[in-house]
Amino acid sequence: MSQIFTTFATKIRNNCYDMKTDTLIRNEGMEALYRKLGLVDAERFIMLIQKERFDYTKWQKYLFEDTPVEELSKKAMEFRANNV
């Protein structure tokens, strides 16, 4: 198991992981959408999700279905190295 996942799992077990509030997650999510899509397309994205019966859990289940764990781990470590 990669170091990033091991560290995360250790923090969870030791109850050292600070859980974000729902409001903070909403705000950070909206900021990410605005940065990536721009204001108009971010609003369109939200409308599409609300219009459709979007099931995030089902979507997430199949998101990385064909991606090997090793590749996900490598991408996570690269992301961490570039964003810490």
C-alpha atoms as a PDB file:
ATOM      1  CA  MET A   1       0.000   0.000   0.000  1.00  0.00           C
ATOM      2  CA  SER A   2       1.324   3.409  -0.862  1.00  0.00           C
ATOM      3  CA  GLN A   3       2.565   5.763   1.809  1.00  0.00           C
ATOM      4  CA  ILE A   4      -0.192   8.322   1.168  1.00  0.00           C
ATOM      5  CA  PHE A   5      -2.943   5.772   1.746  1.00  0.00           C
ATOM      6  CA  THR A   6      -1.139   4.288   4.749  1.00  0.00           C
ATOM      7  CA  THR A   7      -0.811   7.745   6.326  1.00  0.00           C
ATOM      8  CA  PHE A   8      -4.479   8.493   5.664  1.00  0.00           C
ATOM      9  CA  ALA A   9      -5.573   5.140   7.127  1.00  0.00           C
ATOM     10  CA  THR A  10      -3.411   5.728  10.214  1.00  0.00           C
ATOM     11  CA  LYS A  11      -4.961   9.162  10.765  1.00  0.00           C
ATOM     12  CA  ILE A  12      -8.442   7.681  10.475  1.00  0.00           C
ATOM     13  CA  ARG A  13      -7.626   4.881  12.950  1.00  0.00           C
ATOM     14  CA  ASN A  14      -6.113   7.347  15.413  1.00  0.00           C
ATOM     15  CA  ASN A  15      -9.021   9.751  14.959  1.00  0.00           C
ATOM     16  CA  CYS A  16      -6.605  12.484  13.861  1.00  0.00           C
ATOM     17  CA  TYR A  17      -8.331  13.330  10.607  1.00  0.00           C
ATOM     18  CA  ASP A  18     -10.253  16.574  10.821  1.00  0.00           C
ATOM     19  CA  MET A  19     -13.600  16.095   9.136  1.00  0.00           C
ATOM     20  CA  LYS A  20     -14.794  19.065   7.123  1.00  0.00           C
ATOM     21  CA  THR A  21     -18.229  20.510   7.714  1.00  0.00           C
ATOM     22  CA  ASP A  22     -20.901  20.158   5.027  1.00  0.00           C
ATOM     23  CA  THR A  23     -20.775  23.905   4.451  1.00  0.00           C
ATOM     24  CA  LEU A  24     -17.005  23.871   3.912  1.00  0.00           C
ATOM     25  CA  ILE A  25     -17.278  20.951   1.494  1.00  0.00           C
ATOM     26  CA  ARG A  26     -20.035  22.758  -0.458  1.00  0.00           C
ATOM     27  CA  ASN A  27     -17.973  25.953  -0.621  1.00  0.00           C
ATOM     28  CA  GLU A  28     -14.790  24.177  -1.705  1.00  0.00           C
ATOM     29  CA  GLY A  29     -16.750  22.153  -4.267  1.00  0.00           C
ATOM     30  CA  MET A  30     -18.302  25.261  -5.775  1.00  0.00           C
ATOM     31  CA  GLU A  31     -14.921  26.988  -5.903  1.00  0.00           C
ATOM     32  CA  ALA A  32     -13.446  23.953  -7.689  1.00  0.00           C
ATOM     33  CA  LEU A  33     -16.315  23.915 -10.191  1.00  0.00           C
ATOM     34  CA  TYR A  34     -15.975  27.630 -10.864  1.00  0.00           C
ATOM     35  CA  ARG A  35     -12.207  27.353 -11.348  1.00  0.00           C
ATOM     36  CA  LYS A  36     -12.471  24.350 -13.677  1.00  0.00           C
ATOM     37  CA  LEU A  37     -15.657  25.132 -15.613  1.00  0.00           C
ATOM     38  CA  GLY A  38     -16.223  28.843 -15.180  1.00  0.00           C
ATOM     39  CA  LEU A  39     -19.347  30.387 -13.690  1.00  0.00           C
ATOM     40  CA  VAL A  40     -21.827  29.585 -16.478  1.00  0.00           C
ATOM     41  CA  ASP A  41     -20.777  25.966 -17.068  1.00  0.00           C
ATOM     42  CA  ALA A  42     -20.547  25.291 -13.327  1.00  0.00           C
ATOM     43  CA  GLU A  43     -24.155  26.414 -12.940  1.00  0.00           C
ATOM     44  CA  ARG A  44     -25.158  24.297 -15.947  1.00  0.00           C
ATOM     45  CA  PHE A  45     -23.403  21.290 -14.381  1.00  0.00           C
ATOM     46  CA  ILE A  46     -25.344  21.758 -11.144  1.00  0.00           C
ATOM     47  CA  MET A  47     -28.623  22.062 -13.054  1.00  0.00           C
ATOM     48  CA  LEU A  48     -27.863  18.875 -14.994  1.00  0.00           C
ATOM     49  CA  ILE A  49     -27.195  16.961 -11.799  1.00  0.00           C
ATOM     50  CA  GLN A  50     -30.359  18.260 -10.188  1.00  0.00           C
ATOM     51  CA  LYS A  51     -32.447  17.535 -13.285  1.00  0.00           C
ATOM     52  CA  GLU A  52     -31.164  13.972 -13.586  1.00  0.00           C
ATOM     53  CA  ARG A  53     -31.418  11.518 -10.764  1.00  0.00           C
ATOM     54  CA  PHE A  54     -27.668  11.538 -10.328  1.00  0.00           C
ATOM     55  CA  ASP A  55     -26.429   8.868  -7.940  1.00  0.00           C
ATOM     56  CA  TYR A  56     -22.930   9.905  -6.883  1.00  0.00           C
ATOM     57  CA  THR A  57     -22.308   6.581  -5.144  1.00  0.00           C
ATOM     58  CA  LYS A  58     -23.039   4.569  -8.295  1.00  0.00           C
ATOM     59  CA  TRP A  59     -21.030   6.998 -10.438  1.00  0.00           C
ATOM     60  CA  GLN A  60     -18.045   6.820  -8.097  1.00  0.00           C
ATOM     61  CA  LYS A  61     -18.208   3.013  -7.970  1.00  0.00           C
ATOM     62  CA  TYR A  62     -17.490   2.781 -11.690  1.00  0.00           C
ATOM     63  CA  LEU A  63     -15.294   5.882 -12.050  1.00  0.00           C
ATOM     64  CA  PHE A  64     -11.989   4.044 -11.681  1.00  0.00           C
ATOM     65  CA  GLU A  65     -13.254   0.551 -12.502  1.00  0.00           C
ATOM     66  CA  ASP A  66     -10.730  -0.069 -15.287  1.00  0.00           C
ATOM     67  CA  THR A  67      -7.821   1.688 -13.580  1.00  0.00           C
ATOM     68  CA  PRO A  68      -5.298  -0.526 -11.787  1.00  0.00           C
ATOM     69  CA  VAL A  69      -4.719   0.271  -8.112  1.00  0.00           C
ATOM     70  CA  GLU A  70      -1.034   0.835  -8.805  1.00  0.00           C
ATOM     71  CA  GLU A  71      -1.869   3.580 -11.318  1.00  0.00           C
ATOM     72  CA  LEU A  72      -4.281   5.268  -8.891  1.00  0.00           C
ATOM     73  CA  SER A  73      -1.628   5.139  -6.192  1.00  0.00           C
ATOM     74  CA  LYS A  74       0.992   6.622  -8.528  1.00  0.00           C
ATOM     75  CA  LYS A  75      -1.349   9.458  -9.532  1.00  0.00           C
ATOM     76  CA  ALA A  76      -2.206  10.162  -5.888  1.00  0.00           C
ATOM     77  CA  MET A  77       1.476  10.340  -4.942  1.00  0.00           C
ATOM     78  CA  GLU A  78       2.244  12.608  -7.913  1.00  0.00           C
ATOM     79  CA  PHE A  79      -0.654  14.865  -6.969  1.00  0.00           C
ATOM     80  CA  ARG A  80       0.540  15.041  -3.388  1.00  0.00           C
ATOM     81  CA  ALA A  81       4.122  15.798  -4.441  1.00  0.00           C
ATOM     82  CA  ASN A  82       2.930  18.640  -6.670  1.00  0.00           C
ATOM     83  CA  ASN A  83       0.382  20.082  -4.221  1.00  0.00           C
ATOM     84  CA  VAL A  84       2.021  19.955  -0.806  1.00  0.00           C
END
